[in-house]
Amino acid sequence: MGATTLIGLALAALVAGCGSEPEQLSPACSTEPDEVTAALAEAPGLVALADGTLLSECVSRATDDADLQMVGFALTPAADGLAERPDERSALRLGFLVGAVRRGASASNGVSFELVRRMESRVRYDDPALLEAAERGARAGEDHG
């Protein structure tokens, strides 16, 4: 192969990489809130939906309002249910969910920051032990959620 051919192939590969489409939202991201809560049972370990999608991937792949609304319909009721249970395990799971949403939003186009605010507003414990559990969960969610 000549130098011109090699340069042409290199440019074609570069252009193909730059024009790649963002990953599509997994159907598991629009799951029932109970399935999100069930996945969170593994927190602070590996939390993934039925198809292996991480919660943060759901948020980062929600690139428009419709996608984000579907994700919110799954995550928000799960957060509400966990917030209603005043025990450390639920607080840890809620914190993990908050951290995972933060992680996903940090890789998004900005459309998901309202979802982050909504998730964070669910953490409203007076008990220091519950707050600590939620913070521990949030750190894990931000790390690998």
C-alpha atoms as a PDB file:
ATOM      1  CA  MET A   1       0.000   0.000   0.000  1.00  0.00           C
ATOM      2  CA  GLY A   2       1.154   3.469  -0.799  1.00  0.00           C
ATOM      3  CA  ALA A   3       1.397   6.362   1.619  1.00  0.00           C
ATOM      4  CA  THR A   4      -1.664   8.005   0.075  1.00  0.00           C
ATOM      5  CA  THR A   5      -3.758   4.890   0.682  1.00  0.00           C
ATOM      6  CA  LEU A   6      -2.618   4.627   4.303  1.00  0.00           C
ATOM      7  CA  ILE A   7      -3.403   8.292   4.946  1.00  0.00           C
ATOM      8  CA  GLY A   8      -6.818   7.830   3.351  1.00  0.00           C
ATOM      9  CA  LEU A   9      -7.580   4.818   5.541  1.00  0.00           C
ATOM     10  CA  ALA A  10      -6.447   6.670   8.653  1.00  0.00           C
ATOM     11  CA  LEU A  11      -8.654   9.661   7.833  1.00  0.00           C
ATOM     12  CA  ALA A  12     -11.636   7.396   7.137  1.00  0.00           C
ATOM     13  CA  ALA A  13     -11.200   5.709  10.519  1.00  0.00           C
ATOM     14  CA  LEU A  14     -10.938   9.083  12.231  1.00  0.00           C
ATOM     15  CA  VAL A  15     -14.090  10.393  10.572  1.00  0.00           C
ATOM     16  CA  ALA A  16     -16.006   7.194  11.393  1.00  0.00           C
ATOM     17  CA  GLY A  17     -15.043   7.522  15.063  1.00  0.00           C
ATOM     18  CA  CYS A  18     -16.096  11.167  15.251  1.00  0.00           C
ATOM     19  CA  GLY A  19     -19.496  10.563  13.732  1.00  0.00           C
ATOM     20  CA  SER A  20     -20.529   7.714  15.995  1.00  0.00           C
ATOM     21  CA  GLU A  21     -23.987   7.846  17.499  1.00  0.00           C
ATOM     22  CA  PRO A  22     -24.440   7.914  21.280  1.00  0.00           C
ATOM     23  CA  GLU A  23     -25.478   4.631  22.844  1.00  0.00           C
ATOM     24  CA  GLN A  24     -29.208   4.052  22.797  1.00  0.00           C
ATOM     25  CA  LEU A  25     -31.296   3.966  25.948  1.00  0.00           C
ATOM     26  CA  SER A  26     -31.797   0.386  27.082  1.00  0.00           C
ATOM     27  CA  PRO A  27     -35.433  -0.776  27.354  1.00  0.00           C
ATOM     28  CA  ALA A  28     -34.572  -1.835  30.922  1.00  0.00           C
ATOM     29  CA  CYS A  29     -34.193   1.869  31.804  1.00  0.00           C
ATOM     30  CA  SER A  30     -37.940   2.346  31.476  1.00  0.00           C
ATOM     31  CA  THR A  31     -38.686  -0.559  33.784  1.00  0.00           C
ATOM     32  CA  GLU A  32     -41.070  -0.660  36.716  1.00  0.00           C
ATOM     33  CA  PRO A  33     -39.891   1.080  39.914  1.00  0.00           C
ATOM     34  CA  ASP A  34     -40.081  -2.258  41.760  1.00  0.00           C
ATOM     35  CA  GLU A  35     -37.408  -3.640  39.431  1.00  0.00           C
ATOM     36  CA  VAL A  36     -35.162  -0.665  40.216  1.00  0.00           C
ATOM     37  CA  THR A  37     -35.718  -1.243  43.932  1.00  0.00           C
ATOM     38  CA  ALA A  38     -34.942  -4.950  43.503  1.00  0.00           C
ATOM     39  CA  ALA A  39     -31.688  -4.121  41.682  1.00  0.00           C
ATOM     40  CA  LEU A  40     -30.749  -1.741  44.499  1.00  0.00           C
ATOM     41  CA  ALA A  41     -30.841  -4.689  46.923  1.00  0.00           C
ATOM     42  CA  GLU A  42     -27.236  -5.308  45.822  1.00  0.00           C
ATOM     43  CA  ALA A  43     -26.069  -1.832  46.919  1.00  0.00           C
ATOM     44  CA  PRO A  44     -23.373  -0.883  47.695  1.00  0.00           C
ATOM     45  CA  GLY A  45     -22.142  -3.678  45.409  1.00  0.00           C
ATOM     46  CA  LEU A  46     -22.845  -4.097  41.719  1.00  0.00           C
ATOM     47  CA  VAL A  47     -26.317  -2.733  40.983  1.00  0.00           C
ATOM     48  CA  ALA A  48     -27.607  -3.434  37.481  1.00  0.00           C
ATOM     49  CA  LEU A  49     -30.991  -3.781  35.852  1.00  0.00           C
ATOM     50  CA  ALA A  50     -32.183  -7.083  34.361  1.00  0.00           C
ATOM     51  CA  ASP A  51     -30.164  -6.663  31.151  1.00  0.00           C
ATOM     52  CA  GLY A  52     -26.991  -5.587  32.981  1.00  0.00           C
ATOM     53  CA  THR A  53     -27.453  -1.855  32.408  1.00  0.00           C
ATOM     54  CA  LEU A  54     -26.150   0.344  35.217  1.00  0.00           C
ATOM     55  CA  LEU A  55     -28.466   3.016  36.606  1.00  0.00           C
ATOM     56  CA  SER A  56     -25.953   5.708  35.650  1.00  0.00           C
ATOM     57  CA  GLU A  57     -26.046   4.458  32.052  1.00  0.00           C
ATOM     58  CA  CYS A  58     -29.794   5.028  31.987  1.00  0.00           C
ATOM     59  CA  VAL A  59     -29.248   8.643  32.969  1.00  0.00           C
ATOM     60  CA  SER A  60     -26.289   9.312  30.674  1.00  0.00           C
ATOM     61  CA  ARG A  61     -28.025   7.741  27.664  1.00  0.00           C
ATOM     62  CA  ALA A  62     -31.204   9.788  28.191  1.00  0.00           C
ATOM     63  CA  THR A  63     -30.292  12.450  25.657  1.00  0.00           C
ATOM     64  CA  ASP A  64     -33.711  14.033  25.197  1.00  0.00           C
ATOM     65  CA  ASP A  65     -36.770  14.893  27.268  1.00  0.00           C
ATOM     66  CA  ALA A  66     -38.699  11.759  26.270  1.00  0.00           C
ATOM     67  CA  ASP A  67     -35.883   9.415  27.314  1.00  0.00           C
ATOM     68  CA  LEU A  68     -35.363  11.298  30.550  1.00  0.00           C
ATOM     69  CA  GLN A  69     -39.059  11.147  31.356  1.00  0.00           C
ATOM     70  CA  MET A  70     -39.055   7.344  30.915  1.00  0.00           C
ATOM     71  CA  VAL A  71     -36.022   7.028  33.181  1.00  0.00           C
ATOM     72  CA  GLY A  72     -37.597   9.365  35.738  1.00  0.00           C
ATOM     73  CA  PHE A  73     -40.794   7.288  35.778  1.00  0.00           C
ATOM     74  CA  ALA A  74     -38.692   4.313  36.864  1.00  0.00           C
ATOM     75  CA  LEU A  75     -36.265   5.994  39.270  1.00  0.00           C
ATOM     76  CA  THR A  76     -38.377   8.614  41.057  1.00  0.00           C
ATOM     77  CA  PRO A  77     -41.018   6.256  42.537  1.00  0.00           C
ATOM     78  CA  ALA A  78     -38.227   3.878  43.570  1.00  0.00           C
ATOM     79  CA  ALA A  79     -36.544   6.767  45.411  1.00  0.00           C
ATOM     80  CA  ASP A  80     -39.835   7.785  47.010  1.00  0.00           C
ATOM     81  CA  GLY A  81     -40.436   4.258  48.287  1.00  0.00           C
ATOM     82  CA  LEU A  82     -36.954   4.014  49.777  1.00  0.00           C
ATOM     83  CA  ALA A  83     -37.248   7.453  51.389  1.00  0.00           C
ATOM     84  CA  GLU A  84     -40.406   6.364  53.219  1.00  0.00           C
ATOM     85  CA  ARG A  85     -38.547   3.559  55.017  1.00  0.00           C
ATOM     86  CA  PRO A  86     -36.580   4.932  57.975  1.00  0.00           C
ATOM     87  CA  ASP A  87     -33.935   2.193  58.166  1.00  0.00           C
ATOM     88  CA  GLU A  88     -30.220   2.203  57.344  1.00  0.00           C
ATOM     89  CA  ARG A  89     -30.480  -0.357  54.535  1.00  0.00           C
ATOM     90  CA  SER A  90     -33.098   1.720  52.684  1.00  0.00           C
ATOM     91  CA  ALA A  91     -31.097   4.905  53.294  1.00  0.00           C
ATOM     92  CA  LEU A  92     -28.006   3.240  51.809  1.00  0.00           C
ATOM     93  CA  ARG A  93     -29.978   2.132  48.744  1.00  0.00           C
ATOM     94  CA  LEU A  94     -31.486   5.596  48.304  1.00  0.00           C
ATOM     95  CA  GLY A  95     -28.027   7.130  48.596  1.00  0.00           C
ATOM     96  CA  PHE A  96     -26.708   4.701  46.000  1.00  0.00           C
ATOM     97  CA  LEU A  97     -29.501   5.716  43.627  1.00  0.00           C
ATOM     98  CA  VAL A  98     -28.671   9.397  44.153  1.00  0.00           C
ATOM     99  CA  GLY A  99     -24.987   8.726  43.492  1.00  0.00           C
ATOM    100  CA  ALA A 100     -25.708   6.697  40.361  1.00  0.00           C
ATOM    101  CA  VAL A 101     -27.926   9.482  38.998  1.00  0.00           C
ATOM    102  CA  ARG A 102     -25.158  12.011  39.719  1.00  0.00           C
ATOM    103  CA  ARG A 103     -22.654   9.782  37.936  1.00  0.00           C
ATOM    104  CA  GLY A 104     -24.886   9.454  34.890  1.00  0.00           C
ATOM    105  CA  ALA A 105     -25.685  13.166  34.800  1.00  0.00           C
ATOM    106  CA  SER A 106     -22.003  14.060  34.828  1.00  0.00           C
ATOM    107  CA  ALA A 107     -21.652  12.269  31.476  1.00  0.00           C
ATOM    108  CA  SER A 108     -24.839  13.674  29.962  1.00  0.00           C
ATOM    109  CA  ASN A 109     -25.653  16.729  27.899  1.00  0.00           C
ATOM    110  CA  GLY A 110     -27.144  18.552  30.898  1.00  0.00           C
ATOM    111  CA  VAL A 111     -30.759  17.518  30.370  1.00  0.00           C
ATOM    112  CA  SER A 112     -30.648  15.295  33.469  1.00  0.00           C
ATOM    113  CA  PHE A 113     -29.663  17.814  36.149  1.00  0.00           C
ATOM    114  CA  GLU A 114     -33.282  18.287  37.242  1.00  0.00           C
ATOM    115  CA  LEU A 115     -33.469  14.529  37.870  1.00  0.00           C
ATOM    116  CA  VAL A 116     -30.362  14.833  40.065  1.00  0.00           C
ATOM    117  CA  ARG A 117     -32.032  17.602  42.070  1.00  0.00           C
ATOM    118  CA  ARG A 118     -35.185  15.520  42.489  1.00  0.00           C
ATOM    119  CA  MET A 119     -33.232  12.479  43.673  1.00  0.00           C
ATOM    120  CA  GLU A 120     -31.176  14.528  46.125  1.00  0.00           C
ATOM    121  CA  SER A 121     -34.333  16.090  47.573  1.00  0.00           C
ATOM    122  CA  ARG A 122     -35.521  12.621  48.643  1.00  0.00           C
ATOM    123  CA  VAL A 123     -32.671  12.343  51.165  1.00  0.00           C
ATOM    124  CA  ARG A 124     -34.145  14.184  54.148  1.00  0.00           C
ATOM    125  CA  TYR A 125     -33.276  12.218  57.262  1.00  0.00           C
ATOM    126  CA  ASP A 126     -32.975  13.691  60.745  1.00  0.00           C
ATOM    127  CA  ASP A 127     -31.205  10.624  62.119  1.00  0.00           C
ATOM    128  CA  PRO A 128     -27.400  10.958  61.728  1.00  0.00           C
ATOM    129  CA  ALA A 129     -27.052   7.196  61.207  1.00  0.00           C
ATOM    130  CA  LEU A 130     -29.469   7.314  58.256  1.00  0.00           C
ATOM    131  CA  LEU A 131     -27.677  10.327  56.783  1.00  0.00           C
ATOM    132  CA  GLU A 132     -24.349   8.526  57.083  1.00  0.00           C
ATOM    133  CA  ALA A 133     -25.783   5.423  55.393  1.00  0.00           C
ATOM    134  CA  ALA A 134     -27.174   7.566  52.562  1.00  0.00           C
ATOM    135  CA  GLU A 135     -23.814   9.307  52.126  1.00  0.00           C
ATOM    136  CA  ARG A 136     -21.992   5.958  52.070  1.00  0.00           C
ATOM    137  CA  GLY A 137     -24.438   4.737  49.429  1.00  0.00           C
ATOM    138  CA  ALA A 138     -24.038   7.922  47.386  1.00  0.00           C
ATOM    139  CA  ARG A 139     -20.251   7.517  47.319  1.00  0.00           C
ATOM    140  CA  ALA A 140     -20.664   3.932  46.051  1.00  0.00           C
ATOM    141  CA  GLY A 141     -23.234   5.027  43.454  1.00  0.00           C
ATOM    142  CA  GLU A 142     -20.953   7.779  42.185  1.00  0.00           C
ATOM    143  CA  ASP A 143     -18.076   5.300  42.047  1.00  0.00           C
ATOM    144  CA  HIS A 144     -19.685   2.401  40.207  1.00  0.00           C
ATOM    145  CA  GLY A 145     -23.457   2.978  39.963  1.00  0.00           C
END
